[in-house]
Amino acid sequence: MKKTLATLIVIVIAVASLHAVRVMRQSTISGRISPTDAAEVVIAINGTDSLKIKPAEGGGFSFIVQPGAWKVWIDAKKPYKDALLDADVKEGQTTQLGEIKLQQ
């Protein structure tokens, strides 16, 4: 019984450690839209993979993504124009797009 319990504890610790390493190596794309209420949604696209979110109240957005070449499309509300940006995402790093000023 003690051997089984010890084995179970070792397995739980190993799984938790692997998960912690994976979380630390997450890649993200983030930015902020200006004016803050000018966008309906923000979509990140990589090949056939896509993610869609609504910007936060302050215009901020953030995606957890796989490394690679991503396109970030900002679907703007009228009278603003949509924006399309490139994001080259490296493993375990945040690709910061900064302030994205939408044009009228």
N, C-alpha and C. Protein backbone atom coordinates (compact mmCIF):
# COMPACT_ATOMS: atom_id res chain seq x y z
N MET A 1 0.82 -1.20 0.00
CA MET A 1 0.00 0.00 0.00
C MET A 1 0.87 1.27 0.00
N LYS A 2 1.93 1.26 0.84
CA LYS A 2 2.80 2.42 0.92
C LYS A 2 3.52 2.65 -0.41
N LYS A 3 3.90 1.54 -1.07
CA LYS A 3 4.60 1.66 -2.35
C LYS A 3 3.66 2.25 -3.41
N THR A 4 2.41 1.84 -3.42
CA THR A 4 1.42 2.36 -4.37
C THR A 4 1.17 3.84 -4.12
N LEU A 5 1.07 4.23 -2.88
CA LEU A 5 0.85 5.63 -2.53
C LEU A 5 2.06 6.48 -2.95
N ALA A 6 3.25 5.97 -2.70
CA ALA A 6 4.47 6.70 -3.09
C ALA A 6 4.53 6.86 -4.61
N THR A 7 4.19 5.81 -5.34
CA THR A 7 4.18 5.87 -6.81
C THR A 7 3.16 6.89 -7.29
N LEU A 8 1.98 6.90 -6.69
CA LEU A 8 0.95 7.86 -7.07
C LEU A 8 1.41 9.30 -6.81
N ILE A 9 2.06 9.53 -5.69
CA ILE A 9 2.56 10.88 -5.38
C ILE A 9 3.60 11.31 -6.40
N VAL A 10 4.50 10.42 -6.77
CA VAL A 10 5.53 10.74 -7.77
C VAL A 10 4.89 11.07 -9.11
N ILE A 11 3.88 10.32 -9.51
CA ILE A 11 3.19 10.58 -10.78
C ILE A 11 2.49 11.94 -10.75
N VAL A 12 1.82 12.25 -9.66
CA VAL A 12 1.13 13.55 -9.55
C VAL A 12 2.14 14.69 -9.62
N ILE A 13 3.26 14.56 -8.94
CA ILE A 13 4.29 15.61 -8.98
C ILE A 13 4.85 15.76 -10.39
N ALA A 14 5.09 14.65 -11.08
CA ALA A 14 5.63 14.71 -12.44
C ALA A 14 4.65 15.40 -13.39
N VAL A 15 3.37 15.06 -13.30
CA VAL A 15 2.37 15.67 -14.17
C VAL A 15 2.25 17.17 -13.87
N ALA A 16 2.25 17.53 -12.60
CA ALA A 16 2.17 18.95 -12.24
C ALA A 16 3.39 19.71 -12.74
N SER A 17 4.56 19.12 -12.66
CA SER A 17 5.78 19.77 -13.15
C SER A 17 5.73 19.98 -14.65
N LEU A 18 5.29 18.96 -15.39
CA LEU A 18 5.19 19.09 -16.84
C LEU A 18 4.19 20.18 -17.22
N HIS A 19 3.08 20.24 -16.51
CA HIS A 19 2.08 21.28 -16.80
C HIS A 19 2.66 22.67 -16.50
N ALA A 20 3.40 22.80 -15.41
CA ALA A 20 3.99 24.10 -15.06
C ALA A 20 4.97 24.56 -16.13
N VAL A 21 5.78 23.66 -16.66
CA VAL A 21 6.73 24.01 -17.72
C VAL A 21 5.97 24.44 -18.96
N ARG A 22 4.90 23.73 -19.30
CA ARG A 22 4.10 24.08 -20.48
C ARG A 22 3.49 25.47 -20.34
N VAL A 23 2.97 25.78 -19.17
CA VAL A 23 2.36 27.09 -18.94
C VAL A 23 3.40 28.19 -19.04
N MET A 24 4.61 27.95 -18.53
CA MET A 24 5.67 28.96 -18.58
C MET A 24 6.12 29.21 -20.02
N ARG A 25 5.92 28.26 -20.93
CA ARG A 25 6.39 28.41 -22.29
C ARG A 25 5.28 28.87 -23.24
N GLN A 26 4.17 29.36 -22.69
CA GLN A 26 3.08 29.83 -23.54
C GLN A 26 3.51 31.02 -24.37
N SER A 27 3.00 31.06 -25.58
CA SER A 27 3.23 32.19 -26.48
C SER A 27 1.95 33.00 -26.55
N THR A 28 2.09 34.32 -26.60
CA THR A 28 0.91 35.18 -26.67
C THR A 28 1.10 36.30 -27.68
N ILE A 29 -0.05 36.79 -28.14
CA ILE A 29 -0.12 38.01 -28.96
C ILE A 29 -1.00 38.97 -28.17
N SER A 30 -0.52 40.20 -27.98
CA SER A 30 -1.36 41.17 -27.27
C SER A 30 -1.19 42.56 -27.87
N GLY A 31 -2.17 43.39 -27.57
CA GLY A 31 -2.14 44.76 -28.06
C GLY A 31 -3.29 45.55 -27.48
N ARG A 32 -3.41 46.79 -27.92
CA ARG A 32 -4.49 47.67 -27.44
C ARG A 32 -4.99 48.49 -28.62
N ILE A 33 -6.31 48.55 -28.73
CA ILE A 33 -6.95 49.25 -29.84
C ILE A 33 -7.33 50.66 -29.40
N SER A 34 -7.10 51.61 -30.30
CA SER A 34 -7.45 53.01 -30.04
C SER A 34 -8.21 53.54 -31.25
N PRO A 35 -9.33 54.20 -31.05
CA PRO A 35 -10.08 54.41 -29.83
C PRO A 35 -10.53 53.08 -29.21
N THR A 36 -10.68 53.08 -27.91
CA THR A 36 -10.91 51.84 -27.17
C THR A 36 -12.22 51.14 -27.53
N ASP A 37 -13.20 51.87 -28.03
CA ASP A 37 -14.50 51.25 -28.35
C ASP A 37 -14.70 51.10 -29.86
N ALA A 38 -13.63 51.14 -30.65
CA ALA A 38 -13.76 51.17 -32.12
C ALA A 38 -13.81 49.79 -32.77
N ALA A 39 -13.60 48.72 -32.02
CA ALA A 39 -13.54 47.39 -32.64
C ALA A 39 -14.64 46.47 -32.12
N GLU A 40 -15.23 45.70 -33.04
CA GLU A 40 -16.21 44.68 -32.68
C GLU A 40 -15.50 43.46 -32.10
N VAL A 41 -14.57 42.89 -32.89
CA VAL A 41 -13.83 41.70 -32.49
C VAL A 41 -12.41 41.77 -33.03
N VAL A 42 -11.55 40.94 -32.44
CA VAL A 42 -10.18 40.78 -32.92
C VAL A 42 -10.01 39.30 -33.23
N ILE A 43 -9.47 39.00 -34.41
CA ILE A 43 -9.31 37.62 -34.85
C ILE A 43 -7.85 37.37 -35.17
N ALA A 44 -7.29 36.29 -34.61
CA ALA A 44 -5.92 35.87 -34.92
C ALA A 44 -6.01 34.65 -35.83
N ILE A 45 -5.27 34.67 -36.95
CA ILE A 45 -5.36 33.62 -37.97
C ILE A 45 -3.97 33.08 -38.27
N ASN A 46 -3.86 31.75 -38.28
CA ASN A 46 -2.63 31.07 -38.66
C ASN A 46 -3.04 29.84 -39.48
N GLY A 47 -2.92 29.94 -40.81
CA GLY A 47 -3.37 28.84 -41.66
C GLY A 47 -4.86 28.62 -41.50
N THR A 48 -5.25 27.41 -41.08
CA THR A 48 -6.67 27.11 -40.87
C THR A 48 -7.07 27.31 -39.41
N ASP A 49 -6.14 27.68 -38.56
CA ASP A 49 -6.40 27.91 -37.14
C ASP A 49 -6.78 29.37 -36.93
N SER A 50 -7.83 29.62 -36.15
CA SER A 50 -8.20 31.01 -35.86
C SER A 50 -8.78 31.11 -34.46
N LEU A 51 -8.60 32.27 -33.87
CA LEU A 51 -9.13 32.59 -32.54
C LEU A 51 -9.82 33.94 -32.63
N LYS A 52 -10.93 34.08 -31.91
CA LYS A 52 -11.71 35.32 -31.99
C LYS A 52 -12.09 35.76 -30.58
N ILE A 53 -11.85 37.05 -30.28
CA ILE A 53 -12.23 37.60 -28.98
C ILE A 53 -12.76 39.01 -29.14
N LYS A 54 -13.51 39.45 -28.14
CA LYS A 54 -13.93 40.86 -28.07
C LYS A 54 -12.87 41.59 -27.26
N PRO A 55 -12.49 42.80 -27.69
CA PRO A 55 -11.51 43.55 -26.90
C PRO A 55 -12.09 43.91 -25.52
N ALA A 56 -11.21 44.05 -24.55
CA ALA A 56 -11.61 44.44 -23.20
C ALA A 56 -12.09 45.89 -23.21
N GLU A 57 -12.64 46.33 -22.09
CA GLU A 57 -13.17 47.69 -21.98
C GLU A 57 -12.16 48.76 -22.37
N GLY A 58 -10.91 48.58 -22.02
CA GLY A 58 -9.88 49.56 -22.35
C GLY A 58 -9.27 49.37 -23.73
N GLY A 59 -9.85 48.47 -24.54
CA GLY A 59 -9.35 48.22 -25.88
C GLY A 59 -8.28 47.15 -25.96
N GLY A 60 -7.89 46.59 -24.82
CA GLY A 60 -6.83 45.58 -24.81
C GLY A 60 -7.32 44.21 -25.27
N PHE A 61 -6.39 43.43 -25.80
CA PHE A 61 -6.69 42.05 -26.19
C PHE A 61 -5.43 41.21 -26.03
N SER A 62 -5.63 39.91 -25.84
CA SER A 62 -4.51 38.99 -25.71
C SER A 62 -4.97 37.59 -26.11
N PHE A 63 -4.15 36.92 -26.92
CA PHE A 63 -4.41 35.56 -27.36
C PHE A 63 -3.28 34.66 -26.87
N ILE A 64 -3.59 33.46 -26.41
CA ILE A 64 -2.57 32.43 -26.18
C ILE A 64 -2.55 31.60 -27.46
N VAL A 65 -1.38 31.54 -28.11
CA VAL A 65 -1.28 30.92 -29.43
C VAL A 65 -0.06 30.00 -29.51
N GLN A 66 -0.04 29.21 -30.57
CA GLN A 66 1.14 28.41 -30.90
C GLN A 66 2.14 29.31 -31.62
N PRO A 67 3.43 29.02 -31.51
CA PRO A 67 4.42 29.81 -32.25
C PRO A 67 4.17 29.73 -33.75
N GLY A 68 4.53 30.80 -34.46
CA GLY A 68 4.38 30.83 -35.91
C GLY A 68 4.01 32.20 -36.42
N ALA A 69 3.71 32.26 -37.71
CA ALA A 69 3.33 33.52 -38.36
C ALA A 69 1.81 33.67 -38.29
N TRP A 70 1.34 34.67 -37.59
CA TRP A 70 -0.08 34.94 -37.39
C TRP A 70 -0.47 36.25 -38.07
N LYS A 71 -1.71 36.32 -38.51
CA LYS A 71 -2.33 37.56 -38.97
C LYS A 71 -3.34 37.95 -37.89
N VAL A 72 -3.36 39.22 -37.54
CA VAL A 72 -4.33 39.71 -36.56
C VAL A 72 -5.23 40.70 -37.28
N TRP A 73 -6.51 40.36 -37.36
CA TRP A 73 -7.49 41.18 -38.05
C TRP A 73 -8.38 41.85 -37.01
N ILE A 74 -8.48 43.16 -37.10
CA ILE A 74 -9.35 43.92 -36.20
C ILE A 74 -10.57 44.35 -37.00
N ASP A 75 -11.71 43.79 -36.62
CA ASP A 75 -12.98 44.10 -37.27
C ASP A 75 -13.54 45.36 -36.61
N ALA A 76 -13.40 46.49 -37.31
CA ALA A 76 -13.73 47.79 -36.73
C ALA A 76 -15.21 48.13 -36.89
N LYS A 77 -15.71 48.94 -35.95
CA LYS A 77 -17.06 49.50 -36.05
C LYS A 77 -16.99 50.71 -36.97
N LYS A 78 -18.07 50.98 -37.67
CA LYS A 78 -18.15 52.16 -38.52
C LYS A 78 -18.08 53.41 -37.64
N PRO A 79 -17.41 54.44 -38.00
CA PRO A 79 -16.82 54.80 -39.28
C PRO A 79 -15.35 54.36 -39.42
N TYR A 80 -14.84 53.53 -38.49
CA TYR A 80 -13.44 53.14 -38.53
C TYR A 80 -13.20 52.03 -39.55
N LYS A 81 -11.96 51.93 -40.02
CA LYS A 81 -11.58 50.91 -41.01
C LYS A 81 -10.93 49.73 -40.30
N ASP A 82 -11.19 48.52 -40.84
CA ASP A 82 -10.55 47.31 -40.33
C ASP A 82 -9.03 47.44 -40.43
N ALA A 83 -8.33 46.69 -39.62
CA ALA A 83 -6.86 46.68 -39.67
C ALA A 83 -6.39 45.23 -39.73
N LEU A 84 -5.31 44.98 -40.45
CA LEU A 84 -4.70 43.66 -40.56
C LEU A 84 -3.21 43.80 -40.26
N LEU A 85 -2.75 43.06 -39.26
CA LEU A 85 -1.35 43.14 -38.83
C LEU A 85 -0.71 41.76 -38.86
N ASP A 86 0.61 41.73 -39.03
CA ASP A 86 1.38 40.49 -38.96
C ASP A 86 1.97 40.36 -37.57
N ALA A 87 2.00 39.12 -37.07
CA ALA A 87 2.61 38.85 -35.77
C ALA A 87 3.45 37.58 -35.89
N ASP A 88 4.76 37.72 -35.73
CA ASP A 88 5.67 36.58 -35.76
C ASP A 88 5.89 36.14 -34.31
N VAL A 89 5.27 35.03 -33.94
CA VAL A 89 5.25 34.59 -32.55
C VAL A 89 6.33 33.54 -32.30
N LYS A 90 7.17 33.80 -31.31
CA LYS A 90 8.22 32.87 -30.90
C LYS A 90 7.75 32.08 -29.68
N GLU A 91 8.26 30.87 -29.54
CA GLU A 91 7.86 30.01 -28.43
C GLU A 91 8.21 30.64 -27.09
N GLY A 92 7.22 30.67 -26.19
CA GLY A 92 7.42 31.17 -24.84
C GLY A 92 7.52 32.68 -24.72
N GLN A 93 7.21 33.41 -25.79
CA GLN A 93 7.34 34.87 -25.75
C GLN A 93 6.01 35.54 -26.04
N THR A 94 5.90 36.80 -25.62
CA THR A 94 4.74 37.62 -25.94
C THR A 94 5.10 38.52 -27.11
N THR A 95 4.29 38.46 -28.15
CA THR A 95 4.44 39.37 -29.29
C THR A 95 3.52 40.54 -29.02
N GLN A 96 4.10 41.68 -28.72
CA GLN A 96 3.35 42.88 -28.34
C GLN A 96 3.15 43.75 -29.58
N LEU A 97 1.88 43.92 -29.96
CA LEU A 97 1.55 44.75 -31.13
C LEU A 97 1.43 46.23 -30.75
N GLY A 98 1.43 46.53 -29.47
CA GLY A 98 1.36 47.92 -29.02
C GLY A 98 -0.01 48.53 -29.24
N GLU A 99 -0.04 49.84 -29.34
CA GLU A 99 -1.29 50.56 -29.58
C GLU A 99 -1.60 50.55 -31.07
N ILE A 100 -2.78 50.09 -31.42
CA ILE A 100 -3.21 50.02 -32.81
C ILE A 100 -4.27 51.10 -33.00
N LYS A 101 -3.91 52.15 -33.72
CA LYS A 101 -4.82 53.27 -33.94
C LYS A 101 -5.62 53.02 -35.21
N LEU A 102 -6.92 52.84 -35.05
CA LEU A 102 -7.79 52.61 -36.20
C LEU A 102 -8.09 53.93 -36.90
N GLN A 103 -8.05 53.88 -38.22
CA GLN A 103 -8.29 55.07 -39.04
C GLN A 103 -9.76 55.16 -39.43
N GLN A 104 -10.21 56.39 -39.67
CA GLN A 104 -11.60 56.58 -40.13
C GLN A 104 -11.65 56.59 -41.63
